[in-house]
Protein backbone atom coordinates (compact mmCIF):
# COMPACT_ATOMS: atom_id res chain seq x y z
CA MET A 1 83.40 115.65 197.64
CA GLU A 2 81.68 114.37 200.75
CA ILE A 3 79.82 111.07 201.29
CA LYS A 4 76.94 111.17 203.80
CA SER A 5 74.37 108.70 205.06
CA LEU A 6 70.94 109.34 203.64
CA SER A 7 69.74 109.59 207.24
CA GLU A 8 71.69 112.86 207.53
CA CYS A 9 70.00 114.31 204.44
CA THR A 10 66.54 115.63 203.60
CA VAL A 11 64.18 113.79 201.26
CA GLU A 12 64.30 116.85 199.02
CA GLN A 13 68.07 116.51 198.65
CA ALA A 14 67.68 112.77 197.93
CA VAL A 15 65.13 113.50 195.19
CA VAL A 16 67.47 116.05 193.60
CA ALA A 17 70.30 113.50 193.68
CA TRP A 18 68.07 110.79 192.20
CA ASN A 19 66.68 112.90 189.39
CA ARG A 20 70.13 114.27 188.49
CA GLY A 21 71.67 110.82 188.81
CA PHE A 22 69.21 109.17 186.38
CA GLU A 23 69.16 111.94 183.81
CA GLY A 24 69.48 110.40 180.37
CA TYR A 25 68.66 106.88 181.59
CA GLN A 26 66.98 104.39 179.24
CA PHE A 27 63.68 104.99 181.01
CA ASP A 28 62.10 108.00 182.68
CA MET A 29 63.15 107.55 186.29
CA ALA A 30 62.17 111.03 187.59
CA THR A 31 60.56 110.94 191.03
CA THR A 32 58.91 113.21 193.56
CA THR A 33 59.31 113.50 197.37
CA GLU A 34 56.10 111.56 197.87
CA ALA A 35 56.99 108.77 195.42
CA PHE A 36 60.56 108.54 196.74
CA SER A 37 59.42 108.24 200.38
CA LYS A 38 56.80 105.61 199.45
CA ARG A 39 59.36 103.55 197.60
CA MET A 40 61.81 103.67 200.50
CA GLU A 41 59.05 102.27 202.73
CA THR A 42 57.49 99.67 200.45
CA GLU A 43 60.82 98.23 199.28
CA GLU A 44 62.32 98.33 202.79
CA LEU A 45 65.24 100.56 201.78
CA SER A 46 67.33 101.88 204.67
CA LYS A 47 68.26 105.53 205.13
CA GLU A 48 71.08 104.51 207.44
CA LEU A 49 72.58 102.15 204.85
CA SER A 50 71.99 104.38 201.80
CA VAL A 51 74.54 107.04 200.89
CA MET A 52 74.64 110.37 199.04
CA ALA A 53 77.54 112.27 197.50
CA PHE A 54 77.84 116.03 197.81
CA ALA A 55 80.13 118.31 195.84
CA GLU A 56 80.39 122.03 196.63
CA GLY A 57 77.45 121.51 198.99
CA GLU A 58 75.18 120.13 196.23
CA PRO A 59 73.85 116.56 195.97
CA VAL A 60 75.51 114.86 192.98
CA GLY A 61 74.88 111.15 193.55
CA LEU A 62 73.30 108.48 195.67
CA VAL A 63 73.14 104.72 196.31
CA LEU A 64 70.03 103.22 197.88
CA ASN A 65 70.46 100.05 199.95
CA GLY A 66 68.40 97.56 201.90
CA ILE A 67 68.95 94.31 203.84
CA ARG A 68 66.80 91.18 204.13
CA GLN A 69 67.29 87.76 205.66
CA SER A 70 67.15 84.78 203.25
CA GLY A 71 67.50 81.53 205.11
CA ASN A 72 70.81 81.70 206.94
CA TRP A 73 72.05 84.54 204.73
CA LYS A 74 71.82 88.28 205.07
CA ILE A 75 71.41 89.76 201.64
CA GLY A 76 71.99 93.37 200.65
CA TRP A 77 70.31 95.04 197.68
CA ASN A 78 71.27 98.06 195.67
CA GLY A 79 68.03 99.84 194.91
CA GLY A 80 69.56 102.38 192.56
CA THR A 81 72.92 104.05 191.87
CA GLY A 82 72.97 107.40 190.15
CA VAL A 83 75.54 110.13 189.53
CA ALA A 84 74.80 113.56 188.09
CA VAL A 85 76.07 113.97 184.50
CA PRO A 86 78.86 116.52 185.21
CA TRP A 87 80.30 114.20 187.92
CA ARG A 88 80.34 110.95 186.03
CA LYS A 89 83.67 109.22 185.27
CA LYS A 90 85.24 111.03 188.22
CA GLY A 91 85.12 108.20 190.75
CA VAL A 92 81.93 109.31 192.52
CA GLY A 93 80.10 106.03 191.89
CA LYS A 94 83.10 103.96 192.97
CA GLU A 95 83.49 105.91 196.20
CA MET A 96 79.81 105.61 197.08
CA MET A 97 79.88 101.87 196.37
CA GLU A 98 82.93 101.37 198.53
CA LYS A 99 81.16 103.16 201.40
CA THR A 100 78.12 100.93 200.76
CA PHE A 101 80.22 97.79 201.16
CA GLN A 102 81.60 99.08 204.47
CA LEU A 103 78.06 99.70 205.77
CA LEU A 104 76.73 96.32 204.60
CA LYS A 105 79.66 94.41 206.09
CA ALA A 106 79.18 96.15 209.41
CA GLU A 107 75.60 94.78 209.41
CA GLY A 108 76.79 91.23 208.74
CA VAL A 109 75.69 91.12 205.10
CA GLU A 110 77.33 88.27 203.21
CA ILE A 111 75.98 88.83 199.66
CA ALA A 112 75.32 92.09 197.89
CA THR A 113 72.90 92.01 194.93
CA LEU A 114 71.65 94.31 192.20
CA GLU A 115 69.93 94.35 188.88
CA ALA A 116 71.22 96.30 185.86
CA ILE A 117 69.66 96.96 182.44
CA ALA A 118 71.28 94.50 180.05
CA GLY A 119 72.24 97.24 177.58
CA ASN A 120 73.85 99.47 180.21
CA GLY A 121 77.35 98.28 179.53
CA LYS A 122 79.12 101.12 181.42
CA ALA A 123 77.27 100.40 184.65
CA ILE A 124 77.77 96.64 184.31
CA GLU A 125 81.52 97.07 183.77
CA LEU A 126 81.75 99.31 186.85
CA TYR A 127 80.00 96.72 188.96
CA LYS A 128 82.28 93.98 187.63
CA LYS A 129 85.30 96.03 188.60
CA LEU A 130 83.82 96.32 192.09
CA GLY A 131 83.62 92.53 192.35
CA TYR A 132 80.07 91.77 191.19
CA GLU A 133 79.38 88.81 188.89
CA ILE A 134 76.47 88.23 186.54
CA VAL A 135 74.62 85.17 187.89
CA ASP A 136 71.49 85.20 185.70
CA ASP A 137 69.51 87.01 183.01
CA LEU A 138 66.24 88.60 184.13
CA PHE A 139 63.34 89.23 181.78
CA PHE A 140 60.17 91.25 182.11
CA LEU A 141 57.62 89.28 180.11
CA GLN A 142 54.41 90.68 178.67
CA LEU A 143 51.16 89.27 177.22
CA ASP A 144 48.16 91.57 176.77
CA GLY A 145 44.56 91.07 175.72
CA ALA A 146 42.22 88.12 175.75
CA VAL A 147 43.93 84.89 174.63
CA ASP A 148 42.36 81.54 173.69
CA GLY A 149 43.73 78.04 174.09
CA LYS A 150 46.15 78.70 177.00
CA LYS A 151 44.62 76.33 179.57
CA THR A 152 46.94 73.82 181.25
CA ASP A 153 45.56 70.25 181.59
CA GLY A 154 45.80 68.17 184.73
CA SER A 155 44.02 70.39 187.24
CA GLU A 156 42.15 67.40 188.71
CA SER A 157 45.42 66.07 190.17
CA TYR A 158 46.09 69.19 192.28
CA SER A 159 44.30 71.67 194.53
CA ILE A 160 44.93 75.44 194.58
CA ARG A 161 44.17 77.64 197.55
CA PRO A 162 44.55 81.36 198.27
CA ALA A 163 47.48 82.36 200.52
CA GLU A 164 49.04 85.54 201.79
CA PRO A 165 52.51 86.33 200.31
CA GLU A 166 53.87 86.17 203.87
CA GLU A 167 52.70 82.56 204.26
CA ILE A 168 54.36 81.69 200.92
CA GLY A 169 57.59 83.09 202.34
CA THR A 170 57.61 80.25 204.92
CA LEU A 171 57.53 77.44 202.35
CA PRO A 172 60.77 75.42 202.33
CA PHE A 173 61.23 75.94 198.58
CA TYR A 174 60.47 79.69 198.62
CA ARG A 175 63.13 81.59 196.67
CA GLY A 176 64.46 84.40 198.83
CA ASP A 177 67.54 84.49 196.60
CA PHE A 178 65.56 85.88 193.63
CA PRO A 179 65.67 89.61 192.79
CA TRP A 180 64.60 91.89 195.65
CA GLN A 181 61.47 93.33 194.06
CA THR A 182 60.08 89.84 193.54
CA HIS A 183 60.35 88.95 197.29
CA TRP A 184 57.11 88.48 199.24
CA GLN A 185 58.05 91.47 201.43
CA SER A 186 57.75 93.71 198.36
CA VAL A 187 54.26 92.36 197.62
CA ARG A 188 52.70 92.41 201.11
CA ASP A 189 49.53 93.93 199.70
CA GLY A 190 49.25 91.37 196.93
CA GLU A 191 47.62 87.95 196.57
CA GLY A 192 49.05 84.46 196.60
CA ARG A 193 48.20 80.94 195.50
CA ILE A 194 49.61 77.60 196.72
CA VAL A 195 49.29 74.27 194.88
CA ALA A 196 49.09 70.99 196.81
CA ASN A 197 49.17 67.45 195.43
CA VAL A 198 46.68 64.66 196.26
CA GLN A 199 48.70 63.85 199.40
CA GLY A 200 48.16 67.42 200.64
CA GLN A 201 51.81 68.44 200.19
CA ASP A 202 52.49 71.99 199.05
CA ILE A 203 54.45 71.82 195.80
CA GLY A 204 54.13 75.19 194.16
CA TYR A 205 53.25 78.86 194.74
CA ALA A 206 52.76 82.17 193.04
CA PHE A 207 52.08 85.70 194.23
CA PHE A 208 50.94 88.72 192.31
CA ARG A 209 49.10 92.03 192.29
CA THR A 210 45.94 92.95 190.35
CA LEU A 211 45.54 96.66 189.53
CA LYS A 212 42.12 98.07 188.80
CA ASP A 213 40.88 100.91 186.61
CA GLU A 214 38.77 103.89 187.74
CA GLN A 215 35.62 101.77 187.41
CA GLY A 216 37.04 99.09 189.72
CA ASN A 217 37.63 96.54 186.99
CA ALA A 218 40.82 94.51 186.74
CA ALA A 219 43.15 96.21 184.26
CA ARG A 220 46.58 94.73 184.92
CA THR A 221 48.01 91.69 186.71
CA ILE A 222 51.66 91.58 187.74
CA LEU A 223 53.31 88.21 188.59
CA TYR A 224 56.26 88.49 190.97
CA GLN A 225 57.16 84.90 191.66
CA CYS A 226 55.97 81.48 190.50
CA GLU A 227 58.03 78.50 191.72
CA THR A 228 57.58 74.75 192.11
CA ASP A 229 59.17 72.34 194.54
CA PRO A 230 62.37 71.05 192.86
CA LYS A 231 61.49 67.53 194.09
CA ALA A 232 58.03 67.59 192.49
CA SER A 233 57.32 65.75 189.25
CA GLU A 234 55.52 67.51 186.37
CA ARG A 235 56.85 70.89 187.41
CA GLU A 236 55.85 72.57 184.17
CA GLU A 237 52.24 71.37 184.62
CA ILE A 238 52.19 72.77 188.17
CA ALA A 239 53.64 76.10 187.06
CA GLY A 240 51.12 76.20 184.21
CA LEU A 241 48.17 75.75 186.58
CA LEU A 242 49.44 78.50 188.80
CA ILE A 243 49.95 80.91 185.89
CA ASP A 244 46.47 80.12 184.57
CA GLU A 245 45.07 80.91 188.01
CA VAL A 246 47.05 84.15 188.46
CA PHE A 247 46.03 85.51 185.03
CA GLY A 248 42.39 84.48 185.19
CA HIS A 249 42.81 81.74 182.56
CA PHE A 250 43.59 84.48 180.00
CA ARG A 251 39.93 85.23 179.36
CA ASP A 252 40.02 88.99 180.08
CA SER A 253 41.42 91.75 177.91
CA ILE A 254 43.98 93.01 180.42
CA ASN A 255 47.66 93.78 180.65
CA ARG A 256 49.81 90.94 182.00
CA THR A 257 53.42 91.25 183.22
CA ALA A 258 55.88 88.83 184.83
CA VAL A 259 58.56 90.78 186.62
CA ASN A 260 62.30 89.99 186.66
CA VAL A 261 61.95 86.27 185.85
CA PRO A 262 65.36 84.59 186.24
CA VAL A 263 65.95 82.74 182.99
CA THR A 264 68.20 80.02 184.50
CA GLU A 265 67.22 79.79 188.16
CA ASN A 266 63.50 79.96 187.36
CA ALA A 267 63.73 78.05 184.08
CA VAL A 268 60.50 76.10 184.51
CA THR A 269 58.35 79.21 184.97
CA TYR A 270 60.24 81.04 182.23
CA GLN A 271 59.55 78.25 179.71
CA VAL A 272 55.86 77.99 180.65
CA LEU A 273 55.37 81.75 180.24
CA LYS A 274 57.04 81.58 176.84
CA ASP A 275 54.86 78.64 175.81
CA LYS A 276 51.77 80.62 176.76
CA GLY A 277 52.83 83.46 174.48
CA PHE A 278 54.58 85.91 176.83
CA GLU A 279 57.27 87.98 175.15
CA LYS A 280 60.31 89.78 176.54
CA SER A 281 59.80 93.53 177.09
CA ILE A 282 62.82 94.42 179.28
CA ALA A 283 66.07 92.52 179.82
CA GLN A 284 68.25 92.90 182.91
CA VAL A 285 71.12 91.06 184.49
CA PHE A 286 71.19 89.82 188.07
CA MET A 287 74.54 90.49 189.78
CA LYS A 288 75.98 89.30 193.10
CA LYS A 289 79.10 90.03 195.12
CA LYS A 290 80.35 88.13 198.14
CA LEU A 291 81.36 90.50 200.91
């Protein structure tokens, strides 16, 4: 077996490794060369820091990796680990992960992160053996269709303005330590909202994407982050106002999703979404390892 940097491999080889590695997964993870390349770009995954395993000249596994700065910390993210069925339980995943740690350490990364499906016990146990710890539960939350009676009171005490996700990333209470796909960098083409109090202080934010159907009408809204200043009072009210704004006050018959909401670290938003009728659709765990 040979471990290579993804930068030494073709995208076609990477797609073969990905599709073989996620065969039999809980969800259909199959990809194409176009979709794979787009994901590498939009999620800022690095070819130089990602690795592939070859056996007998054939791609049999890969680990995708990226790095971002969060405050004073460099954070690494595992964007997918897969091993072809015939090569599982033979140390391929462990060897690729150990190479990953070497590459991340060389770049000054201090914390490695990943998300794993809550029911994927084998993968979670492997990550634990490699030094990862579960730090939070992550839920995808769903609420579809027109819904009545979800409006949050108190809007006269606050103002809401549009903002680019990048601007939100500069707020002092922005959560760069949340899961990678919820970072503003992953939602550059999205929309944002910032809440300010009567003194003009920014005390909350949210950013999201709205997807449209073939006729150009809104069909789905995806919330990536909603957070309030920990020092603010009435945090649930502030989060409620933001969520109302993001989801169009629940008047339209659309699909609504909140992605990878940390149950503990984002408890205010999680509770507000539950109170508004959102239900869990997918459960993951958020794992971190100090390097």
